[in-house]
């Protein structure tokens, strides 16, 4: 599927289906005034007879003489149209178009004068929702050309004021699709080695990019004990992937993104229940997200320096696996008592965070499907942000609102740190039942004490269900954050 900007008026667009939004009780707008008389009269009659009144979610399909479809979409009262409503409406109509075997659609939903949504945000919402709806996973199917989804071109109405917003959204969409591919790819194929090879291919496609991949032997020599402890139960050897993008002067400090890359998580010796364990292929969605954001940043040629760190590891219950009760020495030199081998994400992240600081980044942001407690706290609507750096949460919050990829802050108060106390090491790797998401953040904060840093728990947003799979979140928010940083 390809995403395109269009400055053609609706009545001149040649797409198989032209989709126009209508506010409640407003049968005419700037898109309809140039339609042919027959269509204008049909729309007016439907409004008069109250068959179609522009209420939220209402759909009316009309046909041109040449067979082209005109889909009228109800948006509801202007003052009640929210970002969520616009995104969901776009997703709905594009999904329906894909199912109807349209090959091309043109969207005229973003260039209305919304009371609570500006044109740039509307363009991003419509573009991202359309791309998301048109995505389809075919990587491991033998019947890729089954023609169930013929949609291969989506046009979004733009003008001089919204062209840049569309360009940014298209870049985000490319990154999101990269993330969804990696997240959905099965764990027997998406191994640490595959992630390293995939990242290498990305880096080799652009002269501004470089890649370095550390192997097990190198990490052992360096002393990455926490990461290697998680990896030691698996036949698939760990990799540390470091992607670099040089979009600014060499003396400008890079932004560092760290993504948890557990390619499959059995829980190790602290074995997970069998039900839904297949979903643990998504435990590398933090890694997939930072790689997706990297792809978007390169696509948009952002004037920043960016480093992406991906510890790619598989957590398995082999005879060599690390055990509850083990005491592990991390790359930082701090010791960790393992009480639960299923709290493995923070183990690989702590060594990676220590390593990332050696590159003197301006800020480090780590993303991880870290805790089930985050899903309990925030559900599937928002990722959790934890930071002690003043103003950093607000930057993510703003970026999330711009792209409707929202986050919410949880505290990192010192009072929570005592839950990590133990008599046998500098800390234990779990803090117990209360505030599990926060104590996981507290654990990571011990490895970033003198660094501008934020931890984002994406456990509730990274994947949705077995039908949709990986969502690509929060690539849009993260890319917008990078855009905003580049413009600061």
Protein backbone atom coordinates (compact mmCIF):
# COMPACT_ATOMS: atom_id res chain seq x y z
CA UNK A 1 0.00 0.00 0.00
CA UNK A 2 1.28 3.47 -0.85
CA UNK A 3 0.27 6.72 0.82
CA UNK A 4 0.07 9.86 -1.32
CA UNK A 5 -0.76 13.53 -0.88
CA UNK A 6 -3.39 14.91 -3.23
CA UNK A 7 -4.28 18.50 -4.03
CA UNK A 8 -6.97 17.50 -6.53
CA UNK A 9 -10.47 18.65 -5.54
CA UNK A 10 -12.84 15.83 -4.74
CA UNK A 11 -14.82 16.14 -7.96
CA UNK A 12 -11.67 15.70 -10.06
CA UNK A 13 -10.15 12.80 -8.17
CA UNK A 14 -9.92 9.54 -10.12
CA UNK A 15 -9.72 7.12 -7.18
CA UNK A 16 -12.10 4.15 -7.11
CA UNK A 17 -13.71 5.60 -4.01
CA UNK A 18 -13.82 9.25 -2.95
CA UNK A 19 -14.60 9.68 0.76
CA UNK A 20 -16.04 13.00 1.98
CA UNK A 21 -16.92 13.92 5.55
CA UNK A 22 -20.15 15.71 6.55
CA UNK A 23 -20.92 17.46 9.78
CA UNK A 24 -24.33 16.78 11.31
CA UNK A 25 -27.19 18.59 9.54
CA UNK A 26 -24.86 20.20 6.99
CA UNK A 27 -25.64 18.72 3.56
CA UNK A 28 -23.13 20.91 1.73
CA UNK A 29 -19.48 21.78 2.21
CA UNK A 30 -16.59 22.99 0.07
CA UNK A 31 -16.04 19.48 -1.31
CA UNK A 32 -19.60 19.01 -2.55
CA UNK A 33 -20.25 22.30 -4.32
CA UNK A 34 -18.44 21.19 -7.48
CA UNK A 35 -19.94 17.71 -7.65
CA UNK A 36 -22.36 17.09 -10.52
CA UNK A 37 -25.98 18.14 -10.01
CA UNK A 38 -27.21 14.56 -9.68
CA UNK A 39 -24.96 13.83 -6.70
CA UNK A 40 -25.69 17.18 -5.05
CA UNK A 41 -29.43 16.56 -5.37
CA UNK A 42 -29.12 13.01 -4.00
CA UNK A 43 -27.21 14.21 -0.95
CA UNK A 44 -29.71 17.01 -0.31
CA UNK A 45 -32.61 14.58 -0.62
CA UNK A 46 -31.05 12.13 1.82
CA UNK A 47 -30.54 14.89 4.36
CA UNK A 48 -34.10 16.16 3.83
CA UNK A 49 -35.56 12.67 4.30
CA UNK A 50 -33.20 12.07 7.25
CA UNK A 51 -31.85 8.92 5.62
CA UNK A 52 -28.43 10.45 6.13
CA UNK A 53 -27.91 13.35 8.51
CA UNK A 54 -24.16 13.37 9.12
CA UNK A 55 -24.40 11.74 12.52
CA UNK A 56 -21.21 10.04 13.76
CA UNK A 57 -20.45 6.84 11.86
CA UNK A 58 -23.25 7.16 9.30
CA UNK A 59 -22.29 6.04 5.80
CA UNK A 60 -23.95 6.75 2.47
CA UNK A 61 -22.62 5.32 -0.79
CA UNK A 62 -23.48 7.01 -4.08
CA UNK A 63 -22.26 6.25 -7.58
CA UNK A 64 -21.01 8.33 -10.47
CA UNK A 65 -22.03 7.40 -14.00
CA UNK A 66 -18.57 5.88 -14.52
CA UNK A 67 -19.01 3.60 -11.51
CA UNK A 68 -16.82 5.64 -9.18
CA UNK A 69 -18.05 5.48 -5.58
CA UNK A 70 -18.71 8.54 -3.46
CA UNK A 71 -18.79 7.60 0.19
CA UNK A 72 -20.41 10.19 2.46
CA UNK A 73 -19.26 9.83 6.06
CA UNK A 74 -21.01 11.32 9.08
CA UNK A 75 -18.70 13.21 11.42
CA UNK A 76 -21.28 14.42 13.92
CA UNK A 77 -21.50 17.87 15.48
CA UNK A 78 -18.38 19.86 14.74
CA UNK A 79 -17.82 20.90 18.35
CA UNK A 80 -17.90 17.24 19.43
CA UNK A 81 -15.47 15.77 16.90
CA UNK A 82 -12.46 14.55 18.88
CA UNK A 83 -9.09 13.24 17.71
CA UNK A 84 -10.22 9.74 18.70
CA UNK A 85 -13.42 10.06 16.69
CA UNK A 86 -11.62 11.29 13.56
CA UNK A 87 -8.99 8.55 13.80
CA UNK A 88 -11.57 5.81 14.39
CA UNK A 89 -13.84 7.05 11.58
CA UNK A 90 -10.95 7.06 9.12
CA UNK A 91 -9.86 3.61 10.20
CA UNK A 92 -13.39 2.30 9.76
CA UNK A 93 -13.94 3.60 6.24
CA UNK A 94 -10.52 2.56 4.95
CA UNK A 95 -10.94 -0.91 6.43
CA UNK A 96 -14.29 -1.15 4.65
CA UNK A 97 -12.75 0.04 1.39
CA UNK A 98 -10.04 -2.62 1.64
CA UNK A 99 -12.65 -5.31 2.26
CA UNK A 100 -14.68 -4.11 -0.74
CA UNK A 101 -11.68 -4.64 -3.03
CA UNK A 102 -11.27 -1.02 -4.00
CA UNK A 103 -7.81 -0.49 -5.40
CA UNK A 104 -7.61 3.19 -4.54
CA UNK A 105 -9.33 5.62 -2.16
CA UNK A 106 -9.13 9.38 -1.73
CA UNK A 107 -9.80 10.83 1.71
CA UNK A 108 -11.37 14.27 2.21
CA UNK A 109 -11.78 14.02 5.97
CA UNK A 110 -8.84 16.04 7.25
CA UNK A 111 -9.33 19.41 5.54
CA UNK A 112 -12.56 20.44 7.25
CA UNK A 113 -12.48 23.31 9.72
CA UNK A 114 -12.71 21.36 12.96
CA UNK A 115 -13.40 23.27 16.12
CA UNK A 116 -11.01 21.22 18.30
CA UNK A 117 -8.54 19.81 15.73
CA UNK A 118 -6.24 21.92 13.61
CA UNK A 119 -5.46 21.06 10.00
CA UNK A 120 -1.99 19.68 10.68
CA UNK A 121 -3.17 17.33 13.40
CA UNK A 122 -6.18 16.25 11.34
CA UNK A 123 -3.90 15.42 8.41
CA UNK A 124 -1.65 13.32 10.61
CA UNK A 125 -4.58 11.51 12.20
CA UNK A 126 -6.23 10.68 8.89
CA UNK A 127 -2.97 9.60 7.27
CA UNK A 128 -1.88 7.41 10.18
CA UNK A 129 -5.32 5.84 10.60
CA UNK A 130 -5.58 5.10 6.88
CA UNK A 131 -2.16 3.48 6.74
CA UNK A 132 -2.90 1.46 9.86
CA UNK A 133 -6.20 0.20 8.44
CA UNK A 134 -4.63 -0.79 5.11
CA UNK A 135 -1.76 -2.77 6.66
CA UNK A 136 -1.88 -6.50 6.16
CA UNK A 137 0.49 -9.20 7.33
CA UNK A 138 1.55 -11.59 4.59
CA UNK A 139 5.17 -12.40 5.42
CA UNK A 140 4.60 -16.05 6.30
CA UNK A 141 1.56 -16.77 4.13
CA UNK A 142 1.74 -18.85 0.97
CA UNK A 143 -1.34 -17.16 -0.53
CA UNK A 144 -0.09 -13.59 -0.63
CA UNK A 145 -1.95 -12.76 -3.83
CA UNK A 146 -5.37 -13.94 -2.70
CA UNK A 147 -6.86 -10.54 -3.72
CA UNK A 148 -8.86 -10.28 -0.51
CA UNK A 149 -7.31 -6.85 -0.05
CA UNK A 150 -6.77 -5.04 -3.33
CA UNK A 151 -6.26 -1.58 -1.81
CA UNK A 152 -2.84 -0.37 -2.89
CA UNK A 153 -3.17 3.41 -3.06
CA UNK A 154 -4.48 5.90 -0.51
CA UNK A 155 -4.64 9.62 -1.24
CA UNK A 156 -5.03 12.22 1.50
CA UNK A 157 -6.23 15.73 0.68
CA UNK A 158 -3.53 18.28 1.38
CA UNK A 159 -2.84 21.95 0.78
CA UNK A 160 0.11 24.26 1.27
CA UNK A 161 -0.57 24.40 5.01
CA UNK A 162 -0.78 20.64 5.56
CA UNK A 163 1.75 19.24 3.09
CA UNK A 164 4.51 19.03 5.71
CA UNK A 165 2.17 17.36 8.21
CA UNK A 166 1.38 14.74 5.58
CA UNK A 167 5.07 14.20 4.82
CA UNK A 168 5.76 13.62 8.50
CA UNK A 169 2.83 11.24 8.81
CA UNK A 170 4.00 9.27 5.77
CA UNK A 171 7.42 8.92 7.38
CA UNK A 172 5.81 7.78 10.61
CA UNK A 173 3.69 5.27 8.70
CA UNK A 174 6.79 3.72 7.16
CA UNK A 175 8.31 3.33 10.60
CA UNK A 176 5.09 1.94 12.04
CA UNK A 177 4.86 -0.70 9.31
CA UNK A 178 8.46 -1.71 10.04
CA UNK A 179 7.57 -2.11 13.70
CA UNK A 180 4.44 -4.12 12.92
CA UNK A 181 6.40 -6.45 10.67
CA UNK A 182 9.01 -7.13 13.35
CA UNK A 183 6.38 -7.52 16.06
CA UNK A 184 4.23 -9.91 14.05
CA UNK A 185 7.06 -12.01 12.64
CA UNK A 186 7.08 -15.44 14.35
CA UNK A 187 9.72 -16.12 17.02
CA UNK A 188 11.29 -19.07 15.23
CA UNK A 189 12.22 -16.61 12.47
CA UNK A 190 12.50 -13.31 14.37
CA UNK A 191 15.51 -14.37 16.43
CA UNK A 192 18.29 -12.11 17.75
CA UNK A 193 20.27 -12.94 14.63
CA UNK A 194 17.35 -11.92 12.38
CA UNK A 195 16.96 -8.58 14.16
CA UNK A 196 20.67 -7.89 13.69
CA UNK A 197 20.47 -8.77 9.98
CA UNK A 198 17.30 -6.71 9.50
CA UNK A 199 18.87 -3.68 11.19
CA UNK A 200 22.00 -4.12 9.09
CA UNK A 201 19.93 -3.96 5.93
CA UNK A 202 18.29 -0.74 7.15
CA UNK A 203 21.66 0.84 7.88
CA UNK A 204 23.13 -0.14 4.52
CA UNK A 205 20.28 1.57 2.67
CA UNK A 206 21.39 5.08 3.64
CA UNK A 207 24.80 6.74 3.66
CA UNK A 208 23.91 8.63 6.84
CA UNK A 209 23.55 5.38 8.80
CA UNK A 210 25.98 3.00 10.47
CA UNK A 211 25.58 -0.19 12.45
CA UNK A 212 27.58 -2.11 15.00
CA UNK A 213 26.57 -5.52 16.32
CA UNK A 214 28.15 -6.93 19.46
CA UNK A 215 28.17 -10.71 19.84
CA UNK A 216 28.11 -12.85 22.95
CA UNK A 217 31.89 -13.10 23.18
CA UNK A 218 32.29 -9.32 23.03
CA UNK A 219 29.58 -8.70 25.61
CA UNK A 220 31.11 -11.28 27.95
CA UNK A 221 34.51 -9.59 27.69
CA UNK A 222 32.86 -6.24 28.47
CA UNK A 223 31.07 -7.66 31.51
CA UNK A 224 27.41 -7.43 30.51
CA UNK A 225 26.45 -9.97 33.15
CA UNK A 226 22.77 -9.10 33.49
CA UNK A 227 22.04 -9.34 29.76
CA UNK A 228 24.03 -12.55 29.36
CA UNK A 229 22.32 -14.14 32.36
CA UNK A 230 18.98 -13.89 30.57
CA UNK A 231 20.48 -15.21 27.34
CA UNK A 232 22.33 -18.20 28.77
CA UNK A 233 19.33 -20.54 28.64
CA UNK A 234 18.78 -20.15 24.90
CA UNK A 235 20.35 -21.83 21.88
CA UNK A 236 19.89 -18.51 20.02
CA UNK A 237 22.85 -16.33 20.88
CA UNK A 238 22.27 -12.72 22.01
CA UNK A 239 23.11 -9.66 19.95
CA UNK A 240 23.58 -6.04 20.88
CA UNK A 241 22.55 -3.94 17.89
CA UNK A 242 23.62 -0.29 17.72
CA UNK A 243 22.15 1.75 14.85
CA UNK A 244 23.52 5.24 14.24
CA UNK A 245 22.03 8.04 12.14
CA UNK A 246 24.08 11.17 11.45
CA UNK A 247 21.71 13.95 10.47
CA UNK A 248 23.42 16.83 12.30
CA UNK A 249 26.93 18.11 13.02
CA UNK A 250 29.26 15.52 14.53
CA UNK A 251 29.72 17.57 17.70
CA UNK A 252 25.98 17.50 18.46
CA UNK A 253 25.17 14.98 21.19
CA UNK A 254 22.95 12.14 19.96
CA UNK A 255 19.53 11.19 21.20
CA UNK A 256 19.63 7.58 22.37
CA UNK A 257 16.73 5.16 22.10
CA UNK A 258 16.88 1.79 23.83
CA UNK A 259 14.38 -0.96 23.03
CA UNK A 260 13.80 -4.20 24.89
CA UNK A 261 14.34 -7.02 22.41
CA UNK A 262 13.21 -10.24 24.05
CA UNK A 263 12.44 -12.15 20.86
CA UNK A 264 10.50 -14.76 22.83
CA UNK A 265 9.81 -14.83 26.55
CA UNK A 266 8.92 -18.11 28.20
CA UNK A 267 9.59 -16.55 31.59
CA UNK A 268 12.62 -18.82 31.94
CA UNK A 269 12.70 -20.97 35.08
CA UNK A 270 9.84 -18.80 36.41
CA UNK A 271 7.80 -20.26 33.56
CA UNK A 272 4.77 -18.39 32.29
CA UNK A 273 1.36 -20.09 32.06
CA UNK A 274 0.82 -21.82 28.74
CA UNK A 275 -2.32 -19.86 27.85
CA UNK A 276 -1.52 -17.04 25.42
CA UNK A 277 2.21 -17.67 25.65
CA UNK A 278 2.28 -17.30 21.86
CA UNK A 279 1.83 -13.57 22.45
CA UNK A 280 5.27 -13.43 24.02
CA UNK A 281 6.71 -13.02 20.54
CA UNK A 282 5.60 -9.41 21.08
CA UNK A 283 8.04 -8.99 23.98
CA UNK A 284 10.46 -7.46 21.50
CA UNK A 285 8.09 -4.64 20.57
CA UNK A 286 10.27 -2.13 22.41
CA UNK A 287 13.07 -3.05 20.04
CA UNK A 288 10.69 -3.01 17.09
CA UNK A 289 9.47 0.46 18.11
CA UNK A 290 12.89 2.07 18.35
CA UNK A 291 13.90 0.50 15.01
CA UNK A 292 10.65 1.84 13.52
CA UNK A 293 11.36 5.31 14.90
CA UNK A 294 14.87 5.08 13.43
CA UNK A 295 13.41 4.23 10.01
CA UNK A 296 11.02 7.20 10.27
CA UNK A 297 13.77 9.60 11.31
CA UNK A 298 15.96 8.52 8.38
CA UNK A 299 13.02 8.74 5.97
CA UNK A 300 12.31 12.30 7.14
CA UNK A 301 16.01 13.26 7.11
CA UNK A 302 15.67 14.82 10.55
CA UNK A 303 18.55 17.16 11.47
CA UNK A 304 19.51 15.16 14.56
CA UNK A 305 22.05 12.55 15.56
CA UNK A 306 20.36 9.37 16.71
CA UNK A 307 21.60 6.16 18.28
CA UNK A 308 19.34 3.15 18.71
CA UNK A 309 20.36 0.32 21.03
CA UNK A 310 18.65 -3.06 20.78
CA UNK A 311 19.60 -5.85 23.19
CA UNK A 312 18.20 -8.86 21.32
CA UNK A 313 17.84 -11.90 23.58
CA UNK A 314 15.66 -14.99 23.96
CA UNK A 315 14.56 -16.06 27.46
CA UNK A 316 14.33 -19.85 27.69
CA UNK A 317 14.26 -22.46 30.54
CA UNK A 318 17.29 -24.51 29.53
CA UNK A 319 19.49 -26.43 31.97
CA UNK A 320 21.92 -23.52 31.78
CA UNK A 321 19.25 -20.89 32.43
CA UNK A 322 19.65 -18.39 35.24
CA UNK A 323 17.64 -19.18 38.38
CA UNK A 324 15.70 -17.47 41.14
CA UNK A 325 18.23 -16.84 43.89
CA UNK A 326 21.16 -16.15 41.57
CA UNK A 327 23.15 -12.99 42.16
CA UNK A 328 24.29 -11.35 38.93
CA UNK A 329 26.86 -8.60 38.39
CA UNK A 330 25.64 -6.04 35.87
CA UNK A 331 27.77 -4.08 33.39
CA UNK A 332 27.63 -1.13 35.80
CA UNK A 333 29.18 -3.24 38.56
CA UNK A 334 26.00 -3.23 40.64
CA UNK A 335 24.79 -6.65 41.78
CA UNK A 336 21.27 -7.98 41.31
CA UNK A 337 19.52 -10.76 43.19
CA UNK A 338 17.21 -12.59 40.79
CA UNK A 339 13.90 -13.42 42.45
CA UNK A 340 11.96 -13.94 39.23
CA UNK A 341 13.52 -14.88 35.89
CA UNK A 342 10.40 -13.51 34.17
CA UNK A 343 11.54 -10.02 35.18
CA UNK A 344 14.14 -10.35 32.44
CA UNK A 345 13.46 -7.18 30.47
CA UNK A 346 14.95 -4.92 33.10
CA UNK A 347 17.99 -7.22 33.24
CA UNK A 348 18.87 -6.71 29.59
CA UNK A 349 17.92 -3.03 29.70
CA UNK A 350 20.12 -2.14 32.67
CA UNK A 351 23.29 -3.26 30.90
CA UNK A 352 22.19 -1.52 27.71
CA UNK A 353 21.45 1.74 29.52
CA UNK A 354 24.91 1.66 31.06
CA UNK A 355 26.45 1.01 27.64
CA UNK A 356 24.42 3.75 25.95
CA UNK A 357 25.79 6.35 28.37
CA UNK A 358 29.30 5.74 27.04
CA UNK A 359 28.25 7.57 23.86
CA UNK A 360 27.46 10.77 25.81
CA UNK A 361 23.85 11.14 24.63
CA UNK A 362 21.81 14.25 25.25
CA UNK A 363 18.97 12.07 26.51
CA UNK A 364 18.20 8.35 26.72
CA UNK A 365 14.69 7.00 26.21
CA UNK A 366 14.03 3.32 26.75
CA UNK A 367 10.91 1.51 25.56
CA UNK A 368 9.80 -1.89 26.78
CA UNK A 369 6.84 -4.20 27.13
CA UNK A 370 8.02 -4.41 30.69
CA UNK A 371 5.14 -5.11 33.08
CA UNK A 372 1.66 -6.59 33.07
CA UNK A 373 0.96 -4.15 35.88
CA UNK A 374 1.08 -1.34 33.32
CA UNK A 375 -1.89 -2.88 31.51
CA UNK A 376 -3.78 -3.01 34.81
CA UNK A 377 -2.94 0.63 35.53
CA UNK A 378 -3.59 2.23 32.13
CA UNK A 379 -5.29 -0.38 29.97
CA UNK A 380 -4.60 -0.24 26.25
CA UNK A 381 -5.04 3.49 25.62
CA UNK A 382 -1.83 5.00 26.94
CA UNK A 383 1.79 4.03 27.50
CA UNK A 384 3.33 4.86 30.86
CA UNK A 385 6.19 7.36 31.16
CA UNK A 386 8.51 7.50 34.16
CA UNK A 387 11.28 10.07 34.47
CA UNK A 388 13.06 12.29 36.97
CA UNK A 389 14.14 14.78 34.28
CA UNK A 390 12.14 17.99 34.54
CA UNK A 391 10.04 18.73 31.47
CA UNK A 392 10.76 15.45 29.68
CA UNK A 393 7.36 13.89 30.33
CA UNK A 394 5.68 17.01 28.98
CA UNK A 395 7.61 16.59 25.72
CA UNK A 396 6.27 13.06 25.28
CA UNK A 397 2.78 14.11 26.30
CA UNK A 398 2.75 16.87 23.67
CA UNK A 399 4.10 14.55 20.97
CA UNK A 400 1.48 11.97 21.88
CA UNK A 401 -1.34 14.47 21.63
CA UNK A 402 -0.11 15.65 18.23
CA UNK A 403 -0.29 12.10 16.87
CA UNK A 404 -3.05 10.65 19.07
CA UNK A 405 -0.51 8.14 20.41
CA UNK A 406 -0.90 9.09 24.01
CA UNK A 407 1.15 8.57 27.17
CA UNK A 408 0.61 9.15 30.86
CA UNK A 409 3.05 9.77 33.69
CA UNK A 410 3.63 7.52 36.69
CA UNK A 411 5.79 8.71 39.61
CA UNK A 412 9.34 7.64 40.39
CA UNK A 413 9.34 8.74 44.00
CA UNK A 414 12.16 7.57 46.24
CA UNK A 415 9.64 5.91 48.55
CA UNK A 416 9.20 3.13 45.99
CA UNK A 417 12.92 2.32 45.88
CA UNK A 418 12.89 0.46 49.19
CA UNK A 419 10.81 -2.30 47.59
CA UNK A 420 13.99 -3.33 45.73
CA UNK A 421 16.05 -3.77 48.93
CA UNK A 422 17.58 -7.17 49.62
CA UNK A 423 20.14 -8.60 52.05
CA UNK A 424 22.04 -10.46 49.34
CA UNK A 425 22.85 -7.90 46.63
CA UNK A 426 22.67 -4.22 45.78
CA UNK A 427 19.09 -4.76 44.65
CA UNK A 428 16.60 -7.45 43.69
CA UNK A 429 15.02 -7.61 40.26
CA UNK A 430 11.39 -7.33 41.37
CA UNK A 431 9.68 -5.08 43.87
CA UNK A 432 6.63 -7.19 44.67
CA UNK A 433 2.96 -6.73 43.96
CA UNK A 434 2.28 -3.07 44.82
CA UNK A 435 3.22 -0.62 42.06
CA UNK A 436 4.97 -3.18 39.87
CA UNK A 437 5.32 -0.83 36.91
CA UNK A 438 6.82 1.90 39.07
CA UNK A 439 9.31 -0.36 40.85
CA UNK A 440 10.46 -1.66 37.46
CA UNK A 441 11.13 1.97 36.55
CA UNK A 442 12.91 2.47 39.87
CA UNK A 443 15.17 -0.49 39.05
CA UNK A 444 16.18 1.09 35.74
CA UNK A 445 16.66 4.49 37.36
CA UNK A 446 19.53 3.02 39.38
CA UNK A 447 21.48 2.69 36.14
CA UNK A 448 20.79 6.22 34.86
CA UNK A 449 21.46 8.39 37.91
CA UNK A 450 23.41 11.18 36.20
CA UNK A 451 21.66 11.00 32.85
CA UNK A 452 18.64 12.71 31.32
CA UNK A 453 16.44 9.66 30.90
CA UNK A 454 12.89 8.41 30.57
CA UNK A 455 11.42 4.93 30.69
CA UNK A 456 8.28 4.18 28.66
CA UNK A 457 6.35 1.00 29.45
CA UNK A 458 4.43 0.03 26.31
CA UNK A 459 2.98 -3.28 27.51
CA UNK A 460 -0.59 -2.04 27.08
CA UNK A 461 -0.24 -0.49 23.63
CA UNK A 462 2.31 -2.49 21.63
CA UNK A 463 -0.07 -5.23 20.52
CA UNK A 464 -3.82 -5.57 20.53
CA UNK A 465 -5.22 -9.01 19.78
CA UNK A 466 -4.48 -12.08 17.72
CA UNK A 467 -6.21 -10.63 14.66
CA UNK A 468 -4.45 -7.26 14.56
CA UNK A 469 -1.23 -8.20 16.32
CA UNK A 470 1.43 -5.53 16.67
CA UNK A 471 0.00 -2.00 16.59
CA UNK A 472 3.18 -0.08 15.81
CA UNK A 473 2.70 2.08 18.86
CA UNK A 474 4.29 4.28 20.06
CA UNK A 475 6.33 4.95 16.90
CA UNK A 476 4.18 7.94 15.92
CA UNK A 477 4.63 9.58 19.32
CA UNK A 478 8.33 8.81 19.40
CA UNK A 479 8.90 10.14 15.88
CA UNK A 480 6.96 13.31 16.69
CA UNK A 481 9.15 13.72 19.77
CA UNK A 482 12.22 13.51 17.53
CA UNK A 483 10.68 15.98 15.07
CA UNK A 484 9.98 18.40 17.91
CA UNK A 485 13.53 18.00 19.22
CA UNK A 486 14.91 18.72 15.76
CA UNK A 487 12.94 21.96 15.62
CA UNK A 488 13.79 23.16 19.12
